[in-house]
Amino acid sequence: MNDDLRNLVLGVIAAGISAAVGWFARTYLWRRTLRRKQRFFGLPANSECMLVINQAAGTTYWSVARRDVFALLELSALIKDCEAKARIVLHDAAQQGFGDRTEFCIGGPVSNQRMAAHLEALLPGIRVNTDQERGPDQGAFEVGGETYRSEPGKTEYVIVARLTAGQEARPVFLASGQNAIANQAAVRYLTRNHPRLYRKYGEGSFCLLLKVINSDSYGPDVAELVTDITRAATSPAPATAG
C-alpha cells in the first residue's frame, strides 16, 4: 500500500469515527434533554395526561375561547414531544383527584370549575375577584397583600404553577389568567422556559405571577415574571375584617 492510498484510508476511517462520535453525542444530548422535559412535566413515554378546558366567559353554551384553543394546541405539541398522550376533559366533568396523572388546567376560576377547586385547595393564599359586574377590580388577583388589576390590551396578569401532592405524585400545572390571552401567555412561558424552571425548581412545586405586556400589539409573546409567589400563595390568606 503506497502512502497516498494509506492516507486516503486513514482519512476515511477518521471521518467515519468523527461522524459516529458526533452522532452519539447528539443522541445523548437529545435523550438527556428529553428525559429532563419528561421529568419536569411528569410525562414519561406512553403515559397519559389530562387537559382540563374551560368555558368561554359570558357564554351559556359550550364554547372555548380562541386563545385557549391555541394554548391547548401548544400543550398538545409539548405532550407529543414527550412521547405521551393527552385526554381532553371538560372542566365540570373532571371529577377526580390529582397526582395519578399529569394535569394541565387552563382558565380562571369563573370559567373553570376545577381551577376554582385547585386554587382553594392548593393555593389558598390567592384571592381572585370573581365579580361579574365590570369594574377596575373585576378579575383582580390579591396575594401577599398586593392587588394586581388588569388593563385589557395593556397589562394582564396570570398565575402559572406546578404543584405536586408528594414526591411520587404527578404534577398539576395551572395557567389561570385574567383573560384568554393571558392563559395562552402562561402556557407559552411554560413551554419556552421549562429548562430554566427545571434548573431552579427541579421536580418541586412553584407558583409564579406573570405580567402580559401590551397584548393588543404583541399578543401572548411578551410576558415577564413579576415575582415568585409560592410562599404567599400556598399559605392561608389572612382573614378579612367584617
Protein backbone atom coordinates (compact mmCIF):
# COMPACT_ATOMS: atom_id res chain seq x y z
CA MET A 1 0.00 0.00 0.00
CA ASN A 2 1.55 3.28 -1.06
CA ASP A 3 1.45 6.42 1.07
CA ASP A 4 -1.36 8.09 -0.88
CA LEU A 5 -3.68 5.10 -0.54
CA ARG A 6 -2.84 4.69 3.15
CA ASN A 7 -3.56 8.36 3.82
CA LEU A 8 -6.87 8.07 1.97
CA VAL A 9 -7.91 5.02 4.01
CA LEU A 10 -6.89 6.68 7.27
CA GLY A 11 -8.81 9.81 6.28
CA VAL A 12 -11.98 7.80 5.58
CA ILE A 13 -11.64 5.96 8.89
CA ALA A 14 -11.08 9.22 10.79
CA ALA A 15 -14.11 10.80 9.11
CA GLY A 16 -16.23 7.77 9.99
CA ILE A 17 -15.11 7.86 13.63
CA SER A 18 -15.78 11.61 13.86
CA ALA A 19 -19.26 11.16 12.35
CA ALA A 20 -20.05 8.31 14.76
CA VAL A 21 -18.85 10.26 17.79
CA GLY A 22 -20.86 13.30 16.69
CA TRP A 23 -23.98 11.20 16.20
CA PHE A 24 -23.64 9.54 19.60
CA ALA A 25 -23.02 12.91 21.27
CA ARG A 26 -26.08 14.49 19.64
CA THR A 27 -28.20 11.45 20.50
CA TYR A 28 -27.01 11.52 24.13
CA LEU A 29 -27.76 15.24 24.47
CA TRP A 30 -31.16 14.86 22.82
CA ARG A 31 -32.10 11.95 25.11
CA ARG A 32 -30.89 13.80 28.21
CA THR A 33 -32.94 16.87 27.23
CA LEU A 34 -35.98 14.69 26.57
CA ARG A 35 -35.65 12.90 29.93
CA ARG A 36 -35.43 16.22 31.77
CA LYS A 37 -38.51 17.50 29.95
CA GLN A 38 -40.39 14.29 30.73
CA ARG A 39 -39.45 14.50 34.43
CA PHE A 40 -40.38 18.19 34.72
CA PHE A 41 -43.78 17.69 33.12
CA GLY A 42 -44.37 14.27 34.66
CA LEU A 43 -44.79 12.77 31.20
CA PRO A 44 -42.83 9.53 30.76
CA ALA A 45 -43.13 7.84 27.38
CA ASN A 46 -46.57 6.34 26.67
CA SER A 47 -48.12 7.95 29.76
CA GLU A 48 -51.46 9.75 29.66
CA CYS A 49 -52.18 13.25 30.90
CA MET A 50 -55.32 15.31 31.25
CA LEU A 51 -56.05 18.66 29.60
CA VAL A 52 -58.84 20.40 31.50
CA ILE A 53 -60.52 23.03 29.35
CA ASN A 54 -62.71 25.90 30.45
CA GLN A 55 -65.80 27.53 29.03
CA ALA A 56 -65.55 30.86 27.26
CA ALA A 57 -66.63 33.63 29.61
CA GLY A 58 -70.06 35.11 29.02
CA THR A 59 -71.48 32.13 27.12
CA THR A 60 -74.37 29.91 28.18
CA TYR A 61 -73.43 27.08 25.79
CA TRP A 62 -70.21 25.14 25.45
CA SER A 63 -67.59 27.23 23.72
CA VAL A 64 -63.84 27.59 24.16
CA ALA A 65 -62.14 30.94 23.57
CA ARG A 66 -59.87 31.07 20.52
CA ARG A 67 -56.79 31.89 22.59
CA ASP A 68 -57.50 28.97 24.92
CA VAL A 69 -57.65 26.69 21.89
CA PHE A 70 -54.23 27.98 20.83
CA ALA A 71 -52.93 27.24 24.33
CA LEU A 72 -54.25 23.68 24.06
CA LEU A 73 -52.51 23.25 20.72
CA GLU A 74 -49.20 24.38 22.19
CA LEU A 75 -49.60 21.94 25.06
CA SER A 76 -50.52 19.16 22.66
CA ALA A 77 -47.26 19.70 20.75
CA LEU A 78 -45.28 19.58 24.00
CA ILE A 79 -47.04 16.38 25.11
CA LYS A 80 -46.29 14.78 21.76
CA ASP A 81 -42.61 15.75 22.09
CA CYS A 82 -42.57 13.91 25.43
CA GLU A 83 -43.98 10.82 23.66
CA ALA A 84 -47.06 10.92 25.88
CA LYS A 85 -50.80 11.08 25.19
CA ALA A 86 -53.42 13.64 26.13
CA ARG A 87 -57.06 13.29 27.13
CA ILE A 88 -59.25 16.40 26.95
CA VAL A 89 -61.75 16.80 29.78
CA LEU A 90 -64.39 19.49 30.30
CA HIS A 91 -63.83 21.45 33.48
CA ASP A 92 -67.11 20.36 35.08
CA ALA A 93 -66.60 16.70 34.16
CA ALA A 94 -63.14 16.23 35.71
CA GLN A 95 -64.44 14.74 38.94
CA GLN A 96 -61.30 13.00 40.17
CA GLY A 97 -58.35 13.66 42.41
CA PHE A 98 -54.88 14.67 41.30
CA GLY A 99 -51.49 13.03 41.41
CA ASP A 100 -52.26 9.88 39.42
CA ARG A 101 -51.53 11.57 36.11
CA THR A 102 -50.19 14.91 34.97
CA GLU A 103 -52.86 17.58 34.58
CA PHE A 104 -52.87 20.87 32.70
CA CYS A 105 -55.71 23.13 33.83
CA ILE A 106 -56.41 26.32 31.87
CA GLY A 107 -58.60 29.31 32.68
CA GLY A 108 -59.72 31.44 35.61
CA PRO A 109 -61.99 30.27 38.43
CA VAL A 110 -65.06 31.84 36.81
CA SER A 111 -64.78 29.86 33.57
CA ASN A 112 -63.14 26.75 35.02
CA GLN A 113 -64.79 24.99 37.94
CA ARG A 114 -61.81 22.70 38.50
CA MET A 115 -59.43 25.68 38.56
CA ALA A 116 -61.56 27.20 41.31
CA ALA A 117 -61.21 23.98 43.30
CA HIS A 118 -57.43 23.85 42.74
CA LEU A 119 -56.96 27.47 43.84
CA GLU A 120 -58.99 26.89 47.00
CA ALA A 121 -57.28 23.62 47.92
CA LEU A 122 -53.70 24.14 46.70
CA LEU A 123 -53.21 27.93 46.58
CA PRO A 124 -55.33 29.31 49.45
CA GLY A 125 -53.26 32.48 49.64
CA ILE A 126 -54.59 33.72 46.28
CA ARG A 127 -57.86 35.57 46.07
CA VAL A 128 -59.47 36.26 42.71
CA ASN A 129 -62.23 38.82 42.28
CA THR A 130 -64.97 36.83 40.55
CA ASP A 131 -67.49 39.68 40.45
CA GLN A 132 -69.42 39.56 37.17
CA GLU A 133 -70.02 43.32 37.12
CA ARG A 134 -67.49 45.30 35.12
CA GLY A 135 -65.16 47.48 37.13
CA PRO A 136 -61.48 48.09 37.87
CA ASP A 137 -61.33 45.17 40.31
CA GLN A 138 -63.01 42.60 38.06
CA GLY A 139 -60.70 39.59 37.81
CA ALA A 140 -58.08 41.19 40.05
CA PHE A 141 -55.62 38.95 41.93
CA GLU A 142 -54.84 39.56 45.57
CA VAL A 143 -51.83 37.76 47.01
CA GLY A 144 -49.25 38.62 49.64
CA GLY A 145 -51.04 41.86 50.49
CA GLU A 146 -50.78 43.14 46.90
CA THR A 147 -53.58 43.59 44.37
CA TYR A 148 -52.97 43.09 40.65
CA ARG A 149 -55.58 44.63 38.36
CA SER A 150 -55.81 44.17 34.62
CA GLU A 151 -55.88 46.85 31.94
CA PRO A 152 -57.21 44.87 28.96
CA GLY A 153 -54.88 45.10 25.99
CA LYS A 154 -52.16 46.83 28.05
CA THR A 155 -51.48 44.78 31.16
CA GLU A 156 -52.92 41.45 32.20
CA TYR A 157 -51.75 39.11 34.94
CA VAL A 158 -51.65 35.35 35.01
CA ILE A 159 -50.71 32.70 37.54
CA VAL A 160 -48.63 29.79 36.31
CA ALA A 161 -47.94 26.98 38.76
CA ARG A 162 -46.50 23.49 39.04
CA LEU A 163 -47.92 21.71 42.07
CA THR A 164 -47.44 18.21 43.44
CA ALA A 165 -49.08 16.32 46.27
CA GLY A 166 -45.95 14.30 47.04
CA GLN A 167 -42.68 13.01 45.66
CA GLU A 168 -44.27 10.18 43.70
CA ALA A 169 -47.31 12.17 42.53
CA ARG A 170 -47.63 13.55 39.03
CA PRO A 171 -47.77 17.36 38.83
CA VAL A 172 -50.71 19.66 38.22
CA PHE A 173 -49.96 22.67 36.02
CA LEU A 174 -52.19 25.73 36.33
CA ALA A 175 -52.50 28.60 33.87
CA SER A 176 -55.03 30.96 35.41
CA GLY A 177 -55.15 34.33 33.71
CA GLN A 178 -57.34 37.41 33.79
CA ASN A 179 -58.36 36.66 30.20
CA ALA A 180 -57.75 34.06 27.49
CA ILE A 181 -54.69 35.76 26.00
CA ALA A 182 -53.07 35.69 29.45
CA ASN A 183 -53.82 31.96 29.66
CA GLN A 184 -52.02 31.42 26.37
CA ALA A 185 -49.11 33.60 27.51
CA ALA A 186 -48.72 31.41 30.61
CA VAL A 187 -48.64 28.23 28.54
CA ARG A 188 -46.14 29.77 26.13
CA TYR A 189 -43.95 30.92 29.03
CA LEU A 190 -44.04 27.42 30.49
CA THR A 191 -43.18 25.65 27.23
CA ARG A 192 -40.38 28.10 26.39
CA ASN A 193 -38.80 28.35 29.83
CA HIS A 194 -39.13 24.83 31.22
CA PRO A 195 -35.34 24.16 31.07
CA ARG A 196 -34.65 27.21 33.26
CA LEU A 197 -37.56 26.35 35.56
CA TYR A 198 -36.26 22.80 35.89
CA ARG A 199 -32.81 24.05 36.84
CA LYS A 200 -34.30 26.33 39.52
CA TYR A 201 -37.13 24.22 40.94
CA GLY A 202 -36.30 20.69 39.83
CA GLU A 203 -39.38 18.50 40.20
CA GLY A 204 -40.79 20.57 43.05
CA SER A 205 -43.74 22.93 43.31
CA PHE A 206 -43.74 26.61 42.39
CA CYS A 207 -46.22 29.39 41.72
CA LEU A 208 -45.29 32.42 39.63
CA LEU A 209 -47.08 35.64 38.77
CA LEU A 210 -46.54 36.87 35.20
CA LYS A 211 -47.47 40.16 33.56
CA VAL A 212 -48.53 40.18 29.91
CA ILE A 213 -47.45 43.45 28.32
CA ASN A 214 -49.31 45.27 25.53
CA SER A 215 -51.19 42.20 24.30
CA ASP A 216 -53.07 44.33 21.75
CA SER A 217 -49.78 44.70 19.87
CA TYR A 218 -47.68 41.72 20.94
CA GLY A 219 -50.28 39.06 21.66
CA PRO A 220 -49.11 36.45 24.20
CA ASP A 221 -45.41 36.75 23.28
CA VAL A 222 -44.29 39.37 25.79
CA ALA A 223 -44.78 38.09 29.32
CA GLU A 224 -42.42 38.93 32.14
CA LEU A 225 -42.03 37.43 35.58
CA VAL A 226 -43.38 39.74 38.26
CA THR A 227 -42.49 37.63 41.28
CA ASP A 228 -42.35 34.15 42.74
CA ILE A 229 -45.46 33.93 44.93
CA THR A 230 -45.05 30.31 46.01
CA ARG A 231 -44.79 31.03 49.74
CA ALA A 232 -47.64 33.54 49.84
CA ALA A 233 -49.89 31.51 47.52
CA THR A 234 -49.56 28.26 49.44
CA SER A 235 -50.14 29.90 52.84
CA PRO A 236 -53.71 30.60 54.01
CA ALA A 237 -54.81 34.14 53.21
CA PRO A 238 -55.32 36.40 56.24
CA ALA A 239 -58.92 36.76 57.32
CA THR A 240 -60.65 39.96 56.21
CA ALA A 241 -62.30 42.23 58.72
CA GLY A 242 -66.08 42.26 58.99
